[in-house]
């Protein structure tokens, strides 16, 4: 078993859900791999912090979320992805062709370019014709628009444990730090881990008064593949009483391709909206 498969098995190993042979393989790997030992220690630290949190009364949506999660795991076990082999081959191709950490290199290039433009504009003061000034302004806007994408690309270089730790670190932030909010919205829309997406959505509750946050959650809802996260997103929009989400939630309630639990949650949300 390689490091990625070992780390993906950590939660099942911690809960004692792995078959004996796989559990023995994880134990043997942890004895010799320093990287996996660090990941395991980080997971234990997160688990300890979560255990120390004060008890919270179960919300009304807990039962629906549990059955949605159960159905998700059942489907994943019964129907393995037909794209798994293709994805592994593509990963090997890109790993051979691209640098080990392209996001960091791309981020460095963008920031150096932006810094160069700023220094040149402030200290050199060369005569610039209007056409050149307009070109520089457009380039600056492009660099600024790339910053959130580069930030999330750098975040994606981290392991699932580290990304989860980053999101959990924002749970107690009440102020509307736009950079934090943008990072949470990116995690909700793009992170491959269901746990990270759920944690990001939970951290967005203090910012539900922002129309941009509600619009982003509404836009992410139809693309969300997990019924568990779908139900939680619908509950988020219902709790924020956002009327602009009505048509999206109504479409889900009538769409037979969605899980029954998700459609039921959508109907309950329509009554609140």
Protein backbone atom coordinates (compact mmCIF):
# COMPACT_ATOMS: atom_id res chain seq x y z
CA UNK A 1 0.00 0.00 0.00
CA UNK A 2 1.33 3.47 -0.89
CA UNK A 3 1.22 6.54 1.35
CA UNK A 4 -1.93 7.97 -0.24
CA UNK A 5 -3.92 4.77 0.34
CA UNK A 6 -2.55 4.49 3.86
CA UNK A 7 -3.62 8.05 4.70
CA UNK A 8 -7.06 7.52 3.15
CA UNK A 9 -7.49 4.53 5.48
CA UNK A 10 -6.62 6.48 8.66
CA UNK A 11 -10.19 7.24 9.72
CA UNK A 12 -11.32 3.62 9.25
CA UNK A 13 -8.16 2.41 11.00
CA UNK A 14 -8.74 4.76 13.92
CA UNK A 15 -12.34 3.57 14.27
CA UNK A 16 -11.39 -0.12 13.96
CA UNK A 17 -13.33 -0.61 10.72
CA UNK A 18 -10.46 -1.99 8.62
CA UNK A 19 -10.16 -5.73 7.92
CA UNK A 20 -7.37 -7.34 9.98
CA UNK A 21 -5.01 -7.69 7.02
CA UNK A 22 -5.36 -4.03 6.03
CA UNK A 23 -5.05 -2.88 9.65
CA UNK A 24 -1.79 -4.86 9.98
CA UNK A 25 -0.52 -3.28 6.76
CA UNK A 26 -1.27 0.22 8.10
CA UNK A 27 0.51 -0.53 11.39
CA UNK A 28 3.56 -1.89 9.59
CA UNK A 29 3.69 1.12 7.24
CA UNK A 30 3.44 3.60 10.13
CA UNK A 31 6.52 2.06 11.75
CA UNK A 32 8.73 2.99 8.81
CA UNK A 33 7.17 6.06 7.07
CA UNK A 34 7.87 9.46 8.70
CA UNK A 35 5.43 11.32 6.43
CA UNK A 36 2.52 9.05 7.34
CA UNK A 37 3.53 9.24 11.01
CA UNK A 38 3.16 13.03 10.81
CA UNK A 39 -0.23 12.73 9.11
CA UNK A 40 -1.38 10.22 11.75
CA UNK A 41 -0.20 12.52 14.55
CA UNK A 42 -2.07 15.44 12.95
CA UNK A 43 -5.27 13.39 12.75
CA UNK A 44 -4.92 12.41 16.41
CA UNK A 45 -4.48 16.07 17.34
CA UNK A 46 -7.64 17.04 15.44
CA UNK A 47 -9.59 14.17 17.02
CA UNK A 48 -8.42 15.25 20.49
CA UNK A 49 -9.51 18.84 19.87
CA UNK A 50 -12.90 17.70 18.59
CA UNK A 51 -13.35 15.46 21.64
CA UNK A 52 -12.74 18.45 23.89
CA UNK A 53 -15.44 20.57 22.26
CA UNK A 54 -18.50 21.13 24.47
CA UNK A 55 -21.46 18.85 23.64
CA UNK A 56 -23.97 20.27 21.18
CA UNK A 57 -27.63 19.32 21.04
CA UNK A 58 -28.42 17.38 17.83
CA UNK A 59 -30.06 19.51 15.15
CA UNK A 60 -33.34 18.45 13.48
CA UNK A 61 -31.45 17.64 10.30
CA UNK A 62 -29.17 15.08 11.99
CA UNK A 63 -31.34 12.07 11.11
CA UNK A 64 -31.63 13.08 7.45
CA UNK A 65 -27.87 13.65 7.24
CA UNK A 66 -27.12 10.26 8.76
CA UNK A 67 -29.27 8.37 6.25
CA UNK A 68 -27.87 10.45 3.38
CA UNK A 69 -24.31 9.62 4.49
CA UNK A 70 -25.19 5.94 4.86
CA UNK A 71 -26.62 5.88 1.35
CA UNK A 72 -23.52 7.63 -0.02
CA UNK A 73 -21.19 5.01 1.48
CA UNK A 74 -23.42 2.17 0.26
CA UNK A 75 -23.38 3.50 -3.30
CA UNK A 76 -19.63 4.05 -3.19
CA UNK A 77 -19.10 0.45 -2.09
CA UNK A 78 -21.48 -1.04 -4.66
CA UNK A 79 -20.53 1.08 -7.67
CA UNK A 80 -16.80 1.87 -7.97
CA UNK A 81 -16.00 4.79 -10.22
CA UNK A 82 -15.41 3.80 -13.89
CA UNK A 83 -12.97 6.71 -14.15
CA UNK A 84 -10.62 5.54 -11.38
CA UNK A 85 -8.17 3.81 -13.77
CA UNK A 86 -8.21 6.73 -16.22
CA UNK A 87 -7.63 9.22 -13.41
CA UNK A 88 -4.67 7.25 -12.03
CA UNK A 89 -3.08 7.14 -15.50
CA UNK A 90 -3.60 10.89 -15.98
CA UNK A 91 -2.09 11.55 -12.55
CA UNK A 92 1.01 9.56 -13.51
CA UNK A 93 1.32 11.45 -16.82
CA UNK A 94 1.03 14.88 -15.18
CA UNK A 95 3.38 13.85 -12.38
CA UNK A 96 6.00 13.00 -15.02
CA UNK A 97 5.50 16.14 -17.13
CA UNK A 98 4.93 18.85 -14.50
CA UNK A 99 7.07 20.05 -11.58
CA UNK A 100 6.47 18.53 -8.17
CA UNK A 101 4.64 21.63 -6.84
CA UNK A 102 3.46 23.68 -9.84
CA UNK A 103 0.92 25.67 -7.82
CA UNK A 104 3.63 27.14 -5.59
CA UNK A 105 5.74 28.07 -8.61
CA UNK A 106 2.76 29.61 -10.37
CA UNK A 107 1.85 31.56 -7.23
CA UNK A 108 5.42 32.86 -6.92
CA UNK A 109 5.45 34.02 -10.56
CA UNK A 110 2.12 35.86 -10.11
CA UNK A 111 3.20 37.64 -6.95
CA UNK A 112 6.62 38.58 -8.34
CA UNK A 113 4.91 40.00 -11.43
CA UNK A 114 2.46 41.99 -9.32
CA UNK A 115 5.29 43.27 -7.08
CA UNK A 116 7.31 44.33 -10.13
CA UNK A 117 4.38 46.29 -11.53
CA UNK A 118 3.80 47.97 -8.17
CA UNK A 119 7.47 48.94 -7.67
CA UNK A 120 7.74 50.23 -11.22
CA UNK A 121 4.60 52.33 -10.87
CA UNK A 122 5.61 53.83 -7.49
CA UNK A 123 9.33 54.49 -7.79
CA UNK A 124 10.39 54.61 -11.42
CA UNK A 125 7.60 56.86 -12.77
CA UNK A 126 8.47 56.41 -16.45
CA UNK A 127 6.37 58.26 -19.01
CA UNK A 128 3.62 55.85 -20.03
CA UNK A 129 1.30 56.40 -22.94
CA UNK A 130 -2.44 55.73 -22.38
CA UNK A 131 -2.43 52.46 -24.36
CA UNK A 132 0.41 51.03 -22.25
CA UNK A 133 -1.26 52.20 -19.03
CA UNK A 134 -4.48 50.47 -20.06
CA UNK A 135 -2.58 47.25 -20.83
CA UNK A 136 -0.87 47.34 -17.41
CA UNK A 137 -4.20 47.95 -15.68
CA UNK A 138 -5.76 44.95 -17.45
CA UNK A 139 -2.77 42.79 -16.52
CA UNK A 140 -3.06 43.89 -12.88
CA UNK A 141 -6.75 42.97 -12.83
CA UNK A 142 -5.93 39.55 -14.26
CA UNK A 143 -3.30 38.94 -11.59
CA UNK A 144 -5.76 40.04 -8.89
CA UNK A 145 -8.42 37.69 -10.24
CA UNK A 146 -5.96 34.78 -10.19
CA UNK A 147 -5.07 35.18 -6.51
CA UNK A 148 -8.07 33.20 -5.12
CA UNK A 149 -7.46 30.39 -7.62
CA UNK A 150 -3.75 30.28 -6.84
CA UNK A 151 -4.47 30.30 -3.11
CA UNK A 152 -6.78 27.31 -3.45
CA UNK A 153 -4.29 25.53 -5.73
CA UNK A 154 -1.65 25.88 -3.03
CA UNK A 155 -4.14 24.61 -0.44
CA UNK A 156 -4.81 21.56 -2.63
CA UNK A 157 -1.12 20.61 -2.32
CA UNK A 158 -1.81 19.79 1.34
CA UNK A 159 -3.19 16.50 2.60
CA UNK A 160 -6.84 16.04 3.55
CA UNK A 161 -5.89 16.25 7.23
CA UNK A 162 -4.12 19.59 6.75
CA UNK A 163 -6.99 21.02 4.67
CA UNK A 164 -9.49 19.92 7.31
CA UNK A 165 -7.33 21.51 10.02
CA UNK A 166 -7.24 24.78 8.01
CA UNK A 167 -11.03 24.89 7.65
CA UNK A 168 -11.63 23.96 11.31
CA UNK A 169 -9.38 26.85 12.30
CA UNK A 170 -11.95 29.31 10.88
CA UNK A 171 -14.94 28.00 12.85
CA UNK A 172 -14.55 30.54 15.65
CA UNK A 173 -14.03 33.52 13.34
CA UNK A 174 -17.06 35.81 13.47
CA UNK A 175 -15.72 38.80 11.55
CA UNK A 176 -16.34 38.95 7.82
CA UNK A 177 -12.75 38.47 6.62
CA UNK A 178 -13.30 38.31 2.87
CA UNK A 179 -10.16 36.28 2.23
CA UNK A 180 -11.31 33.67 4.77
CA UNK A 181 -14.82 33.62 3.29
CA UNK A 182 -13.46 33.18 -0.25
CA UNK A 183 -11.27 30.31 0.91
CA UNK A 184 -14.25 28.58 2.54
CA UNK A 185 -16.37 29.03 -0.60
CA UNK A 186 -13.57 27.57 -2.73
CA UNK A 187 -13.29 24.59 -0.38
CA UNK A 188 -17.07 24.08 -0.52
CA UNK A 189 -17.11 24.17 -4.33
CA UNK A 190 -13.93 22.26 -5.21
CA UNK A 191 -12.48 20.23 -2.35
CA UNK A 192 -12.64 16.46 -3.08
CA UNK A 193 -13.17 15.56 0.60
CA UNK A 194 -16.77 15.39 1.88
CA UNK A 195 -15.54 16.14 5.41
CA UNK A 196 -13.73 19.29 4.28
CA UNK A 197 -16.77 20.51 2.32
CA UNK A 198 -19.07 19.91 5.32
CA UNK A 199 -16.68 21.73 7.65
CA UNK A 200 -16.41 24.64 5.21
CA UNK A 201 -20.20 24.96 5.07
CA UNK A 202 -20.41 24.89 8.87
CA UNK A 203 -17.79 27.66 9.05
CA UNK A 204 -19.84 29.76 6.60
CA UNK A 205 -22.87 29.98 8.93
CA UNK A 206 -21.61 33.18 10.66
CA UNK A 207 -21.35 34.77 7.20
CA UNK A 208 -24.80 33.70 5.94
CA UNK A 209 -25.97 37.32 6.07
CA UNK A 210 -23.79 38.10 3.03
CA UNK A 211 -25.74 37.80 -0.26
CA UNK A 212 -22.55 36.74 -2.06
CA UNK A 213 -22.12 33.79 0.31
CA UNK A 214 -25.72 32.64 -0.15
CA UNK A 215 -25.42 33.01 -3.94
CA UNK A 216 -22.21 30.95 -3.98
CA UNK A 217 -23.82 28.15 -1.91
CA UNK A 218 -26.86 28.18 -4.22
CA UNK A 219 -24.59 27.94 -7.29
CA UNK A 220 -22.61 25.06 -5.78
CA UNK A 221 -25.68 23.06 -4.79
CA UNK A 222 -26.58 21.58 -8.24
CA UNK A 223 -22.94 20.52 -8.78
CA UNK A 224 -22.55 18.85 -5.38
CA UNK A 225 -22.27 15.03 -5.78
CA UNK A 226 -22.76 14.02 -2.12
CA UNK A 227 -26.34 13.71 -0.78
CA UNK A 228 -25.05 14.45 2.71
CA UNK A 229 -23.56 17.76 1.62
CA UNK A 230 -26.61 18.51 -0.55
CA UNK A 231 -28.93 18.20 2.46
CA UNK A 232 -26.64 20.38 4.57
CA UNK A 233 -26.48 23.06 1.85
CA UNK A 234 -30.27 23.07 1.55
CA UNK A 235 -30.57 23.47 5.32
CA UNK A 236 -28.07 26.35 5.18
CA UNK A 237 -30.11 28.19 2.54
CA UNK A 238 -33.37 27.54 4.40
CA UNK A 239 -31.88 28.82 7.68
CA UNK A 240 -30.68 31.98 5.92
CA UNK A 241 -34.19 32.53 4.42
CA UNK A 242 -32.75 33.41 1.02
CA UNK A 243 -35.65 33.79 -1.47
CA UNK A 244 -33.26 33.76 -4.44
CA UNK A 245 -32.55 30.07 -3.72
CA UNK A 246 -36.23 29.12 -4.08
CA UNK A 247 -36.13 28.14 -7.77
CA UNK A 248 -32.96 26.03 -7.35
CA UNK A 249 -34.35 24.17 -4.33
CA UNK A 250 -37.73 23.73 -6.03
CA UNK A 251 -36.02 22.15 -9.05
CA UNK A 252 -34.20 19.70 -6.78
CA UNK A 253 -37.43 18.77 -4.99
CA UNK A 254 -38.96 17.73 -8.34
CA UNK A 255 -35.90 16.08 -9.88
CA UNK A 256 -36.08 12.29 -9.56
CA UNK A 257 -32.33 11.92 -10.11
CA UNK A 258 -31.69 13.27 -6.61
CA UNK A 259 -31.79 11.03 -3.57
CA UNK A 260 -35.18 10.80 -1.82
CA UNK A 261 -33.69 12.21 1.39
CA UNK A 262 -32.40 15.22 -0.57
CA UNK A 263 -35.79 15.82 -2.22
CA UNK A 264 -37.52 15.62 1.17
CA UNK A 265 -35.08 18.16 2.60
CA UNK A 266 -35.75 20.44 -0.39
CA UNK A 267 -39.52 20.27 0.21
CA UNK A 268 -39.07 21.18 3.87
CA UNK A 269 -36.84 24.10 2.87
CA UNK A 270 -39.45 25.41 0.42
CA UNK A 271 -41.92 25.66 3.29
CA UNK A 272 -39.42 27.81 5.22
CA UNK A 273 -38.64 30.05 2.25
